[in-house]
Structure formats: C-alpha cells, structure tokens
Amino acid sequence: MTEFDLDDFGITEGISEVIVTTYQGWSPNAAPIGIIRKGDDVFVRLFKGSQTYKNVKAERMLVANLVYDPLIFVRSTFGNITESEFKVLSYGGRAFATVRDSSCWVVFECDEFKETSGAIVAKLIPRHAHVGRCIFNSINRGFNLVVESCVHATRYELTNNEKYMRLIEAYSITVNKCGSGRDKEAMELLLKRYGEQG
C-alpha cells in the first residue's frame, strides 16, 4: 500500500466525503467527491461529463482534501472555488493542486479504470500525503447535512427527481437548528440555486 496510514489523513473505511482537486497545468478544479475505501482498496467513481472526470482521465491523478468548510462543499458542487483558495505544489516532478485551507490532503494515482455507461471507477493508489492543520471537530449534524444536501443536489441535477429537493428542504430545517453560521450560509446558498427559501 503506502508508507503512511490513510486513517491518519481522514480516508477511513466506507465513503469519505472530501474535496477532490485536479490540475492539468493551467487551472485547478475542485469538486466534492466520495472516496470509497474497503480495507486496503481505495476507489473513486466519477460521472462522465464532469471536469473532474476529464482531468482524471487525462492526468491519472487526483488529490483528496479533508475540508471542514461547508461553503467550499456547496460552491465546488456547482462550480469552482476561487483561484486564491488553491495551492499548487509538486511531488515527483508532477504539479498538483490542493485546497489551501484543507486540514490534510492525499495525492492518489488513478489506475485500473473501469467504465460504465455513465461513469468510471478508478482504483486509487496513495502516493504522497500532508497534514496542514490539526483540527478536532465534533460531529455536527448541520455540517453533515450540508454535505449530504450537496450529494442530493448533484443527483437532482442528473435526474430532475423531486425527491432529492424534498430531502434538501427537510435537511435545511435541521441545519438551521443545529448548524454553525457557515453551515446556515452554505445551506442558504444551495437553496438559492433552486429558488427555495431556508
């Protein structure tokens, strides 16, 4: 596997919701993505047509950034974060982008691509990792539901199924009750996209 333990970088058993960054040398891209880990096997599933999909196919590399900012999750779901929020580094002669305010990040090589009609699944091989800031966050229902709402928003965009909007609206009630100020701001931004009120 690697010389480091992925658990120490937030990539644990199950699906770890992170901000994935890719970089093709001209403009970094960020998107919330679930990194799938089963034992020592790590995978990612990327939907065709996304910028992340195109960059991973071309570069065969991605960076998983552990981020606790709900606004970064929402903004990167529907577009990109600002250029100043990225940090471009290099390892082994290859440039890559990270989220500047991430707690830590892991550079993965993407290998063994399997294509389906709407997505690719790639095996991820960890190559390099860094801890930036040590943050101890308790479980916050507001933050978790903002992240879950981003997942449902992408599903809504793909399927136009109203059940996802109903879930987002229901989650917004809990975010407004239990979330931090940034959680509430992030949920409001997400709801504004669809003309809903929080």
N, C-alpha and C. Protein backbone atom coordinates (compact mmCIF):
# COMPACT_ATOMS: atom_id res chain seq x y z
N MET A 1 0.83 -1.19 0.00
CA MET A 1 0.00 0.00 0.00
C MET A 1 0.88 1.25 0.00
N THR A 2 1.09 1.88 1.16
CA THR A 2 1.91 3.09 1.24
C THR A 2 2.74 3.03 2.51
N GLU A 3 3.55 4.05 2.67
CA GLU A 3 4.34 4.17 3.89
C GLU A 3 3.58 4.93 4.95
N PHE A 4 2.35 5.32 4.70
CA PHE A 4 1.55 6.05 5.68
C PHE A 4 0.17 5.42 5.78
N ASP A 5 -0.48 5.65 6.90
CA ASP A 5 -1.79 5.09 7.18
C ASP A 5 -2.86 6.09 6.73
N LEU A 6 -3.70 5.69 5.80
CA LEU A 6 -4.75 6.58 5.29
C LEU A 6 -5.70 7.04 6.40
N ASP A 7 -5.88 6.24 7.43
CA ASP A 7 -6.73 6.65 8.56
C ASP A 7 -6.24 7.97 9.16
N ASP A 8 -4.92 8.17 9.17
CA ASP A 8 -4.34 9.39 9.73
C ASP A 8 -4.65 10.62 8.89
N PHE A 9 -5.16 10.41 7.68
CA PHE A 9 -5.46 11.51 6.77
C PHE A 9 -6.95 11.58 6.44
N GLY A 10 -7.76 10.93 7.27
CA GLY A 10 -9.21 11.04 7.13
C GLY A 10 -9.85 10.14 6.09
N ILE A 11 -9.08 9.29 5.44
CA ILE A 11 -9.63 8.36 4.45
C ILE A 11 -9.84 7.03 5.17
N THR A 12 -11.04 6.82 5.66
CA THR A 12 -11.34 5.66 6.50
C THR A 12 -12.27 4.70 5.77
N GLU A 13 -12.52 3.56 6.40
CA GLU A 13 -13.41 2.54 5.83
C GLU A 13 -14.77 3.16 5.50
N GLY A 14 -15.31 2.80 4.34
CA GLY A 14 -16.60 3.35 3.88
C GLY A 14 -16.36 4.42 2.83
N ILE A 15 -17.22 5.43 2.83
CA ILE A 15 -17.09 6.53 1.88
C ILE A 15 -16.73 7.80 2.64
N SER A 16 -15.58 8.36 2.31
CA SER A 16 -15.11 9.60 2.92
C SER A 16 -15.42 10.75 1.97
N GLU A 17 -16.25 11.69 2.42
CA GLU A 17 -16.60 12.85 1.59
C GLU A 17 -15.49 13.89 1.71
N VAL A 18 -14.85 14.16 0.60
CA VAL A 18 -13.71 15.08 0.55
C VAL A 18 -13.91 16.06 -0.60
N ILE A 19 -13.04 17.04 -0.67
CA ILE A 19 -12.97 17.89 -1.86
C ILE A 19 -11.81 17.35 -2.70
N VAL A 20 -12.14 16.86 -3.88
CA VAL A 20 -11.11 16.35 -4.80
C VAL A 20 -10.65 17.50 -5.67
N THR A 21 -9.33 17.65 -5.76
CA THR A 21 -8.77 18.65 -6.66
C THR A 21 -8.00 17.94 -7.76
N THR A 22 -8.10 18.52 -8.95
CA THR A 22 -7.35 18.04 -10.11
C THR A 22 -6.69 19.25 -10.75
N TYR A 23 -5.68 18.98 -11.56
CA TYR A 23 -4.90 20.08 -12.13
C TYR A 23 -4.24 19.61 -13.41
N GLN A 24 -4.54 20.31 -14.50
CA GLN A 24 -3.91 19.94 -15.77
C GLN A 24 -2.88 20.97 -16.20
N GLY A 25 -2.39 21.75 -15.25
CA GLY A 25 -1.32 22.68 -15.56
C GLY A 25 -1.77 24.09 -15.87
N TRP A 26 -3.06 24.32 -16.02
CA TRP A 26 -3.49 25.68 -16.31
C TRP A 26 -4.51 26.20 -15.30
N SER A 27 -5.44 25.39 -14.88
CA SER A 27 -6.45 25.86 -13.95
C SER A 27 -6.89 24.72 -13.04
N PRO A 28 -6.72 24.88 -11.73
CA PRO A 28 -7.15 23.83 -10.81
C PRO A 28 -8.67 23.70 -10.78
N ASN A 29 -9.14 22.53 -10.43
CA ASN A 29 -10.57 22.26 -10.32
C ASN A 29 -10.83 21.58 -8.98
N ALA A 30 -11.98 21.90 -8.37
CA ALA A 30 -12.37 21.29 -7.10
C ALA A 30 -13.79 20.78 -7.20
N ALA A 31 -14.05 19.64 -6.58
CA ALA A 31 -15.40 19.07 -6.55
C ALA A 31 -15.54 18.16 -5.34
N PRO A 32 -16.72 18.16 -4.71
CA PRO A 32 -16.93 17.22 -3.61
C PRO A 32 -17.14 15.82 -4.18
N ILE A 33 -16.38 14.87 -3.67
CA ILE A 33 -16.41 13.50 -4.19
C ILE A 33 -16.29 12.54 -3.01
N GLY A 34 -16.92 11.41 -3.11
CA GLY A 34 -16.78 10.36 -2.11
C GLY A 34 -15.66 9.41 -2.48
N ILE A 35 -14.67 9.28 -1.61
CA ILE A 35 -13.59 8.32 -1.80
C ILE A 35 -14.01 7.04 -1.08
N ILE A 36 -14.03 5.93 -1.81
CA ILE A 36 -14.53 4.65 -1.30
C ILE A 36 -13.34 3.81 -0.83
N ARG A 37 -13.42 3.36 0.42
CA ARG A 37 -12.35 2.51 0.95
C ARG A 37 -12.95 1.24 1.53
N LYS A 38 -12.43 0.10 1.05
CA LYS A 38 -12.80 -1.22 1.56
C LYS A 38 -11.51 -1.92 1.93
N GLY A 39 -11.18 -1.93 3.22
CA GLY A 39 -9.90 -2.48 3.65
C GLY A 39 -8.77 -1.63 3.11
N ASP A 40 -7.84 -2.26 2.39
CA ASP A 40 -6.73 -1.52 1.79
C ASP A 40 -7.04 -1.06 0.37
N ASP A 41 -8.20 -1.39 -0.15
CA ASP A 41 -8.59 -0.98 -1.51
C ASP A 41 -9.30 0.36 -1.46
N VAL A 42 -8.86 1.27 -2.33
CA VAL A 42 -9.44 2.62 -2.37
C VAL A 42 -9.84 2.90 -3.81
N PHE A 43 -11.06 3.44 -3.99
CA PHE A 43 -11.61 3.69 -5.31
C PHE A 43 -12.30 5.04 -5.36
N VAL A 44 -12.56 5.49 -6.57
CA VAL A 44 -13.39 6.67 -6.78
C VAL A 44 -14.30 6.41 -7.97
N ARG A 45 -15.52 6.93 -7.90
CA ARG A 45 -16.47 6.83 -9.01
C ARG A 45 -16.75 8.25 -9.49
N LEU A 46 -16.49 8.49 -10.77
CA LEU A 46 -16.66 9.82 -11.35
C LEU A 46 -17.64 9.76 -12.50
N PHE A 47 -18.58 10.70 -12.50
CA PHE A 47 -19.59 10.73 -13.55
C PHE A 47 -19.04 11.39 -14.81
N LYS A 48 -19.37 10.80 -15.95
CA LYS A 48 -18.92 11.32 -17.24
C LYS A 48 -19.47 12.73 -17.46
N GLY A 49 -18.64 13.54 -18.09
CA GLY A 49 -19.06 14.90 -18.40
C GLY A 49 -18.55 15.93 -17.42
N SER A 50 -18.16 15.51 -16.23
CA SER A 50 -17.67 16.49 -15.24
C SER A 50 -16.21 16.85 -15.54
N GLN A 51 -15.80 18.02 -15.08
CA GLN A 51 -14.41 18.45 -15.26
C GLN A 51 -13.46 17.51 -14.53
N THR A 52 -13.87 17.05 -13.36
CA THR A 52 -13.04 16.11 -12.60
C THR A 52 -12.81 14.83 -13.39
N TYR A 53 -13.88 14.32 -14.00
CA TYR A 53 -13.78 13.13 -14.85
C TYR A 53 -12.76 13.34 -15.97
N LYS A 54 -12.87 14.47 -16.67
CA LYS A 54 -11.96 14.76 -17.79
C LYS A 54 -10.51 14.86 -17.30
N ASN A 55 -10.31 15.57 -16.20
CA ASN A 55 -8.95 15.75 -15.68
C ASN A 55 -8.33 14.43 -15.21
N VAL A 56 -9.11 13.60 -14.52
CA VAL A 56 -8.59 12.32 -14.04
C VAL A 56 -8.26 11.41 -15.21
N LYS A 57 -9.10 11.39 -16.23
CA LYS A 57 -8.81 10.57 -17.42
C LYS A 57 -7.50 11.02 -18.07
N ALA A 58 -7.27 12.33 -18.11
CA ALA A 58 -6.07 12.86 -18.77
C ALA A 58 -4.82 12.73 -17.90
N GLU A 59 -4.92 13.06 -16.62
CA GLU A 59 -3.75 13.12 -15.74
C GLU A 59 -3.51 11.87 -14.92
N ARG A 60 -4.58 11.07 -14.71
CA ARG A 60 -4.49 9.85 -13.91
C ARG A 60 -4.00 10.14 -12.48
N MET A 61 -4.47 11.28 -11.95
CA MET A 61 -4.08 11.68 -10.61
C MET A 61 -5.18 12.58 -10.04
N LEU A 62 -5.37 12.49 -8.71
CA LEU A 62 -6.27 13.41 -8.01
C LEU A 62 -5.75 13.59 -6.60
N VAL A 63 -6.23 14.65 -5.95
CA VAL A 63 -5.87 14.92 -4.56
C VAL A 63 -7.16 14.94 -3.75
N ALA A 64 -7.18 14.16 -2.67
CA ALA A 64 -8.31 14.17 -1.73
C ALA A 64 -7.97 15.12 -0.60
N ASN A 65 -8.76 16.20 -0.46
CA ASN A 65 -8.54 17.22 0.56
C ASN A 65 -9.58 17.08 1.66
N LEU A 66 -9.13 16.98 2.90
CA LEU A 66 -10.04 16.93 4.04
C LEU A 66 -10.37 18.38 4.41
N VAL A 67 -11.63 18.75 4.22
CA VAL A 67 -12.08 20.13 4.39
C VAL A 67 -13.29 20.16 5.31
N TYR A 68 -13.32 21.14 6.21
CA TYR A 68 -14.44 21.29 7.13
C TYR A 68 -15.22 22.58 6.88
N ASP A 69 -15.09 23.16 5.70
CA ASP A 69 -15.79 24.40 5.36
C ASP A 69 -16.99 24.06 4.49
N PRO A 70 -18.22 24.22 5.01
CA PRO A 70 -19.40 23.86 4.23
C PRO A 70 -19.57 24.71 2.97
N LEU A 71 -19.09 25.95 3.00
CA LEU A 71 -19.20 26.80 1.81
C LEU A 71 -18.36 26.27 0.66
N ILE A 72 -17.21 25.70 0.96
CA ILE A 72 -16.38 25.10 -0.10
C ILE A 72 -17.11 23.90 -0.71
N PHE A 73 -17.78 23.11 0.12
CA PHE A 73 -18.55 21.99 -0.42
C PHE A 73 -19.64 22.48 -1.37
N VAL A 74 -20.40 23.48 -0.97
CA VAL A 74 -21.51 23.96 -1.80
C VAL A 74 -20.99 24.63 -3.06
N ARG A 75 -20.01 25.53 -2.92
CA ARG A 75 -19.53 26.25 -4.11
C ARG A 75 -18.87 25.31 -5.11
N SER A 76 -18.15 24.29 -4.63
CA SER A 76 -17.50 23.37 -5.57
C SER A 76 -18.47 22.35 -6.16
N THR A 77 -19.65 22.22 -5.58
CA THR A 77 -20.66 21.33 -6.16
C THR A 77 -21.15 21.88 -7.49
N PHE A 78 -21.31 23.20 -7.58
CA PHE A 78 -21.92 23.81 -8.77
C PHE A 78 -20.97 24.63 -9.61
N GLY A 79 -19.74 24.71 -9.24
CA GLY A 79 -18.78 25.50 -10.00
C GLY A 79 -17.39 25.20 -9.49
N ASN A 80 -16.67 26.25 -9.18
CA ASN A 80 -15.32 26.06 -8.68
C ASN A 80 -15.08 27.04 -7.56
N ILE A 81 -14.09 26.76 -6.75
CA ILE A 81 -13.69 27.72 -5.74
C ILE A 81 -12.75 28.72 -6.40
N THR A 82 -12.44 29.81 -5.72
CA THR A 82 -11.60 30.84 -6.33
C THR A 82 -10.16 30.38 -6.45
N GLU A 83 -9.46 30.97 -7.39
CA GLU A 83 -8.05 30.63 -7.63
C GLU A 83 -7.21 30.77 -6.36
N SER A 84 -7.51 31.78 -5.54
CA SER A 84 -6.73 32.01 -4.32
C SER A 84 -6.96 30.93 -3.26
N GLU A 85 -8.00 30.13 -3.40
CA GLU A 85 -8.28 29.06 -2.44
C GLU A 85 -7.51 27.77 -2.75
N PHE A 86 -6.81 27.76 -3.88
CA PHE A 86 -5.97 26.63 -4.26
C PHE A 86 -4.52 26.91 -3.90
N LYS A 87 -3.77 25.84 -3.73
CA LYS A 87 -2.32 25.94 -3.59
C LYS A 87 -1.73 24.89 -4.53
N VAL A 88 -0.89 25.32 -5.47
CA VAL A 88 -0.28 24.40 -6.43
C VAL A 88 1.10 24.00 -5.91
N LEU A 89 1.31 22.70 -5.84
CA LEU A 89 2.56 22.13 -5.33
C LEU A 89 3.09 21.13 -6.35
N SER A 90 4.21 20.49 -6.02
CA SER A 90 4.68 19.43 -6.91
C SER A 90 5.30 18.31 -6.09
N TYR A 91 5.19 17.12 -6.63
CA TYR A 91 5.76 15.93 -5.99
C TYR A 91 6.17 14.97 -7.11
N GLY A 92 7.37 14.47 -7.03
CA GLY A 92 7.85 13.53 -8.04
C GLY A 92 7.84 14.13 -9.44
N GLY A 93 8.06 15.44 -9.53
CA GLY A 93 8.10 16.10 -10.83
C GLY A 93 6.74 16.42 -11.42
N ARG A 94 5.66 16.17 -10.68
CA ARG A 94 4.32 16.46 -11.19
C ARG A 94 3.65 17.52 -10.34
N ALA A 95 3.04 18.48 -11.00
CA ALA A 95 2.30 19.53 -10.29
C ALA A 95 0.92 19.01 -9.92
N PHE A 96 0.42 19.47 -8.78
CA PHE A 96 -0.93 19.14 -8.35
C PHE A 96 -1.46 20.29 -7.51
N ALA A 97 -2.77 20.37 -7.42
CA ALA A 97 -3.42 21.45 -6.66
C ALA A 97 -4.06 20.88 -5.41
N THR A 98 -4.00 21.66 -4.33
CA THR A 98 -4.69 21.32 -3.09
C THR A 98 -5.61 22.47 -2.72
N VAL A 99 -6.52 22.22 -1.79
CA VAL A 99 -7.31 23.30 -1.21
C VAL A 99 -6.45 23.92 -0.12
N ARG A 100 -6.20 25.21 -0.24
CA ARG A 100 -5.29 25.91 0.68
C ARG A 100 -5.65 25.70 2.16
N ASP A 101 -6.93 25.72 2.49
CA ASP A 101 -7.36 25.61 3.89
C ASP A 101 -7.71 24.18 4.32
N SER A 102 -7.27 23.18 3.56
CA SER A 102 -7.59 21.81 3.96
C SER A 102 -6.79 21.43 5.20
N SER A 103 -7.38 20.55 6.00
CA SER A 103 -6.67 20.05 7.19
C SER A 103 -5.51 19.15 6.78
N CYS A 104 -5.75 18.36 5.76
CA CYS A 104 -4.72 17.49 5.21
C CYS A 104 -5.14 17.09 3.81
N TRP A 105 -4.22 16.48 3.09
CA TRP A 105 -4.52 16.00 1.75
C TRP A 105 -3.69 14.77 1.42
N VAL A 106 -4.21 13.99 0.46
CA VAL A 106 -3.52 12.80 -0.03
C VAL A 106 -3.53 12.84 -1.55
N VAL A 107 -2.36 12.67 -2.16
CA VAL A 107 -2.24 12.57 -3.62
C VAL A 107 -2.42 11.10 -3.99
N PHE A 108 -3.34 10.85 -4.91
CA PHE A 108 -3.58 9.48 -5.38
C PHE A 108 -3.27 9.38 -6.87
N GLU A 109 -2.63 8.29 -7.24
CA GLU A 109 -2.52 7.90 -8.65
C GLU A 109 -3.79 7.12 -8.97
N CYS A 110 -4.36 7.36 -10.14
CA CYS A 110 -5.59 6.67 -10.56
C CYS A 110 -5.21 5.58 -11.55
N ASP A 111 -5.69 4.36 -11.29
CA ASP A 111 -5.27 3.20 -12.08
C ASP A 111 -6.47 2.28 -12.27
N GLU A 112 -6.32 1.31 -13.15
CA GLU A 112 -7.34 0.27 -13.37
C GLU A 112 -8.74 0.86 -13.58
N PHE A 113 -8.87 1.69 -14.59
CA PHE A 113 -10.16 2.32 -14.90
C PHE A 113 -11.17 1.29 -15.38
N LYS A 114 -12.38 1.36 -14.86
CA LYS A 114 -13.50 0.55 -15.34
C LYS A 114 -14.60 1.52 -15.74
N GLU A 115 -15.06 1.39 -16.99
CA GLU A 115 -16.08 2.31 -17.49
C GLU A 115 -17.45 1.68 -17.47
N THR A 116 -18.44 2.49 -17.11
CA THR A 116 -19.84 2.12 -17.26
C THR A 116 -20.45 3.12 -18.22
N SER A 117 -21.73 3.01 -18.47
CA SER A 117 -22.35 3.93 -19.43
C SER A 117 -22.31 5.38 -18.95
N GLY A 118 -22.33 5.60 -17.63
CA GLY A 118 -22.38 6.97 -17.15
C GLY A 118 -21.23 7.40 -16.27
N ALA A 119 -20.27 6.50 -16.01
CA ALA A 119 -19.21 6.85 -15.06
C ALA A 119 -17.97 5.99 -15.28
N ILE A 120 -16.91 6.35 -14.56
CA ILE A 120 -15.74 5.49 -14.47
C ILE A 120 -15.48 5.22 -12.99
N VAL A 121 -14.92 4.05 -12.75
CA VAL A 121 -14.43 3.71 -11.41
C VAL A 121 -12.94 3.51 -11.57
N ALA A 122 -12.16 4.18 -10.72
CA ALA A 122 -10.71 4.06 -10.79
C ALA A 122 -10.18 3.61 -9.43
N LYS A 123 -9.21 2.71 -9.48
CA LYS A 123 -8.51 2.32 -8.26
C LYS A 123 -7.58 3.48 -7.90
N LEU A 124 -7.50 3.80 -6.61
CA LEU A 124 -6.64 4.89 -6.16
C LEU A 124 -5.45 4.33 -5.39
N ILE A 125 -4.28 4.78 -5.78
CA ILE A 125 -3.04 4.36 -5.13
C ILE A 125 -2.44 5.58 -4.45
N PRO A 126 -2.38 5.59 -3.11
CA PRO A 126 -1.84 6.76 -2.41
C PRO A 126 -0.34 6.90 -2.65
N ARG A 127 0.08 8.13 -2.99
CA ARG A 127 1.49 8.36 -3.30
C ARG A 127 2.16 9.35 -2.34
N HIS A 128 1.42 10.32 -1.86
CA HIS A 128 2.02 11.36 -1.03
C HIS A 128 0.92 11.96 -0.17
N ALA A 129 1.25 12.40 1.03
CA ALA A 129 0.24 12.99 1.91
C ALA A 129 0.87 14.05 2.79
N HIS A 130 0.02 14.95 3.28
CA HIS A 130 0.50 16.05 4.11
C HIS A 130 -0.59 16.46 5.09
N VAL A 131 -0.19 16.71 6.34
CA VAL A 131 -1.10 17.29 7.32
C VAL A 131 -0.78 18.76 7.43
N GLY A 132 -1.80 19.60 7.20
CA GLY A 132 -1.61 21.04 7.29
C GLY A 132 -1.96 21.58 8.65
N ARG A 133 -3.20 21.33 9.06
CA ARG A 133 -3.68 21.83 10.35
C ARG A 133 -4.34 20.67 11.08
N CYS A 134 -4.09 20.58 12.34
CA CYS A 134 -4.73 19.54 13.16
C CYS A 134 -6.00 20.13 13.75
N ILE A 135 -7.14 19.65 13.27
CA ILE A 135 -8.44 20.17 13.72
C ILE A 135 -9.21 19.02 14.35
N PHE A 136 -9.73 19.27 15.51
CA PHE A 136 -10.57 18.29 16.17
C PHE A 136 -12.00 18.82 16.16
N ASN A 137 -12.81 18.29 15.27
CA ASN A 137 -14.21 18.69 15.17
C ASN A 137 -15.10 17.60 15.72
N SER A 138 -16.05 18.01 16.54
CA SER A 138 -17.06 17.03 16.96
C SER A 138 -18.02 16.82 15.79
N ILE A 139 -18.83 15.81 15.88
CA ILE A 139 -19.81 15.56 14.83
C ILE A 139 -20.86 16.65 14.90
N ASN A 140 -21.08 17.32 13.78
CA ASN A 140 -22.06 18.40 13.73
C ASN A 140 -23.12 18.03 12.70
N ARG A 141 -24.34 17.88 13.15
CA ARG A 141 -25.42 17.48 12.26
C ARG A 141 -25.62 18.50 11.13
N GLY A 142 -25.46 19.77 11.43
CA GLY A 142 -25.63 20.80 10.41
C GLY A 142 -24.64 20.63 9.27
N PHE A 143 -23.35 20.51 9.61
CA PHE A 143 -22.32 20.34 8.58
C PHE A 143 -22.57 19.07 7.78
N ASN A 144 -22.84 17.96 8.48
CA ASN A 144 -23.06 16.69 7.79
C ASN A 144 -24.24 16.78 6.83
N LEU A 145 -25.30 17.49 7.21
CA LEU A 145 -26.47 17.59 6.33
C LEU A 145 -26.23 18.55 5.17
N VAL A 146 -25.34 19.52 5.33
CA VAL A 146 -24.96 20.35 4.18
C VAL A 146 -24.24 19.47 3.15
N VAL A 147 -23.31 18.64 3.62
CA VAL A 147 -22.59 17.74 2.71
C VAL A 147 -23.57 16.78 2.04
N GLU A 148 -24.49 16.20 2.82
CA GLU A 148 -25.49 15.28 2.26
C GLU A 148 -26.39 16.00 1.26
N SER A 149 -26.71 17.26 1.53
CA SER A 149 -27.53 18.04 0.60
C SER A 149 -26.79 18.28 -0.72
N CYS A 150 -25.48 18.45 -0.67
CA CYS A 150 -24.69 18.59 -1.90
C CYS A 150 -24.77 17.31 -2.73
N VAL A 151 -24.71 16.16 -2.06
CA VAL A 151 -24.85 14.88 -2.76
C VAL A 151 -26.22 14.81 -3.43
N HIS A 152 -27.27 15.16 -2.69
CA HIS A 152 -28.63 15.12 -3.26
C HIS A 152 -28.80 16.14 -4.38
N ALA A 153 -28.14 17.29 -4.26
CA ALA A 153 -28.24 18.31 -5.31
C ALA A 153 -27.65 17.80 -6.62
N THR A 154 -26.52 17.08 -6.54
CA THR A 154 -25.95 16.55 -7.78
C THR A 154 -26.86 15.47 -8.37
N ARG A 155 -27.49 14.69 -7.51
CA ARG A 155 -28.44 13.67 -8.01
C ARG A 155 -29.66 14.34 -8.63
N TYR A 156 -30.11 15.43 -8.02
CA TYR A 156 -31.25 16.17 -8.58
C TYR A 156 -30.88 16.72 -9.96
N GLU A 157 -29.67 17.26 -10.09
CA GLU A 157 -29.22 17.81 -11.37
C GLU A 157 -29.18 16.72 -12.45
N LEU A 158 -28.80 15.50 -12.06
CA LEU A 158 -28.70 14.40 -13.02
C LEU A 158 -30.06 13.81 -13.39
N THR A 159 -30.99 13.76 -12.41
CA THR A 159 -32.25 13.03 -12.63
C THR A 159 -33.49 13.91 -12.68
N ASN A 160 -33.40 15.12 -12.13
CA ASN A 160 -34.55 16.03 -12.00
C ASN A 160 -35.67 15.40 -11.15
N ASN A 161 -35.30 14.47 -10.27
CA ASN A 161 -36.27 13.80 -9.40
C ASN A 161 -36.52 14.67 -8.17
N GLU A 162 -37.76 15.06 -7.97
CA GLU A 162 -38.14 15.98 -6.89
C GLU A 162 -37.88 15.42 -5.49
N LYS A 163 -37.73 14.11 -5.35
CA LYS A 163 -37.48 13.56 -4.01
C LYS A 163 -36.19 14.12 -3.43
N TYR A 164 -35.21 14.43 -4.28
CA TYR A 164 -33.95 14.99 -3.79
C TYR A 164 -34.15 16.41 -3.27
N MET A 165 -35.00 17.19 -3.93
CA MET A 165 -35.29 18.54 -3.43
C MET A 165 -36.04 18.47 -2.11
N ARG A 166 -36.94 17.53 -1.97
CA ARG A 166 -37.67 17.39 -0.70
C ARG A 166 -36.71 17.04 0.44
N LEU A 167 -35.73 16.18 0.16
CA LEU A 167 -34.74 15.84 1.18
C LEU A 167 -33.90 17.06 1.56
N ILE A 168 -33.47 17.82 0.56
CA ILE A 168 -32.68 19.03 0.83
C ILE A 168 -33.48 20.01 1.69
N GLU A 169 -34.74 20.22 1.34
CA GLU A 169 -35.59 21.13 2.11
C GLU A 169 -35.75 20.64 3.55
N ALA A 170 -35.93 19.34 3.73
CA ALA A 170 -36.06 18.79 5.09
C ALA A 170 -34.75 18.96 5.86
N TYR A 171 -33.63 18.72 5.20
CA TYR A 171 -32.33 18.86 5.86
C TYR A 171 -32.08 20.31 6.27
N SER A 172 -32.59 21.26 5.48
CA SER A 172 -32.34 22.67 5.79
C SER A 172 -32.93 23.05 7.15
N ILE A 173 -34.01 22.41 7.55
CA ILE A 173 -34.61 22.69 8.87
C ILE A 173 -33.62 22.32 9.98
N THR A 174 -33.00 21.16 9.87
CA THR A 174 -32.03 20.72 10.88
C THR A 174 -30.77 21.58 10.82
N VAL A 175 -30.32 21.94 9.62
CA VAL A 175 -29.14 22.80 9.50
C VAL A 175 -29.41 24.13 10.22
N ASN A 176 -30.60 24.69 10.02
CA ASN A 176 -30.92 25.97 10.66
C ASN A 176 -31.04 25.84 12.17
N LYS A 177 -31.35 24.65 12.65
CA LYS A 177 -31.47 24.43 14.10
C LYS A 177 -30.12 24.07 14.73
N CYS A 178 -29.33 23.23 14.06
CA CYS A 178 -28.12 22.65 14.68
C CYS A 178 -26.81 23.16 14.10
N GLY A 179 -26.85 23.80 12.94
CA GLY A 179 -25.61 24.15 12.25
C GLY A 179 -24.97 25.43 12.74
N SER A 180 -23.72 25.61 12.34
CA SER A 180 -22.98 26.84 12.62
C SER A 180 -23.46 27.93 11.66
N GLY A 181 -22.96 29.13 11.85
CA GLY A 181 -23.29 30.22 10.93
C GLY A 181 -22.88 29.90 9.50
N ARG A 182 -21.71 29.30 9.32
CA ARG A 182 -21.25 28.94 7.97
C ARG A 182 -22.10 27.81 7.38
N ASP A 183 -22.54 26.87 8.22
CA ASP A 183 -23.43 25.82 7.74
C ASP A 183 -24.72 26.43 7.20
N LYS A 184 -25.28 27.37 7.94
CA LYS A 184 -26.53 28.03 7.54
C LYS A 184 -26.33 28.83 6.26
N GLU A 185 -25.20 29.53 6.17
CA GLU A 185 -24.89 30.30 4.96
C GLU A 185 -24.74 29.38 3.75
N ALA A 186 -24.08 28.25 3.95
CA ALA A 186 -23.89 27.28 2.86
C ALA A 186 -25.23 26.71 2.41
N MET A 187 -26.10 26.37 3.36
CA MET A 187 -27.41 25.82 3.00
C MET A 187 -28.25 26.86 2.27
N GLU A 188 -28.17 28.11 2.71
CA GLU A 188 -28.90 29.18 2.04
C GLU A 188 -28.42 29.34 0.60
N LEU A 189 -27.12 29.27 0.39
CA LEU A 189 -26.55 29.35 -0.96
C LEU A 189 -27.05 28.21 -1.83
N LEU A 190 -27.09 27.01 -1.28
CA LEU A 190 -27.58 25.85 -2.02
C LEU A 190 -29.06 26.01 -2.37
N LEU A 191 -29.87 26.44 -1.41
CA LEU A 191 -31.30 26.62 -1.65
C LEU A 191 -31.57 27.72 -2.67
N LYS A 192 -30.76 28.78 -2.65
CA LYS A 192 -30.94 29.89 -3.61
C LYS A 192 -30.79 29.41 -5.04
N ARG A 193 -29.93 28.44 -5.24
CA ARG A 193 -29.73 27.91 -6.60
C ARG A 193 -31.04 27.40 -7.19
N TYR A 194 -31.90 26.89 -6.33
CA TYR A 194 -33.17 26.31 -6.79
C TYR A 194 -34.36 27.20 -6.47
N GLY A 195 -34.10 28.43 -6.04
CA GLY A 195 -35.20 29.35 -5.76
C GLY A 195 -35.98 29.00 -4.52
N GLU A 196 -35.36 28.22 -3.62
CA GLU A 196 -36.02 27.83 -2.37
C GLU A 196 -35.58 28.76 -1.26
N GLN A 197 -36.37 28.84 -0.21
CA GLN A 197 -36.02 29.64 0.96
C GLN A 197 -35.71 28.72 2.12
N GLY A 198 -34.65 29.05 2.88
CA GLY A 198 -34.26 28.24 4.03
C GLY A 198 -35.04 28.58 5.27
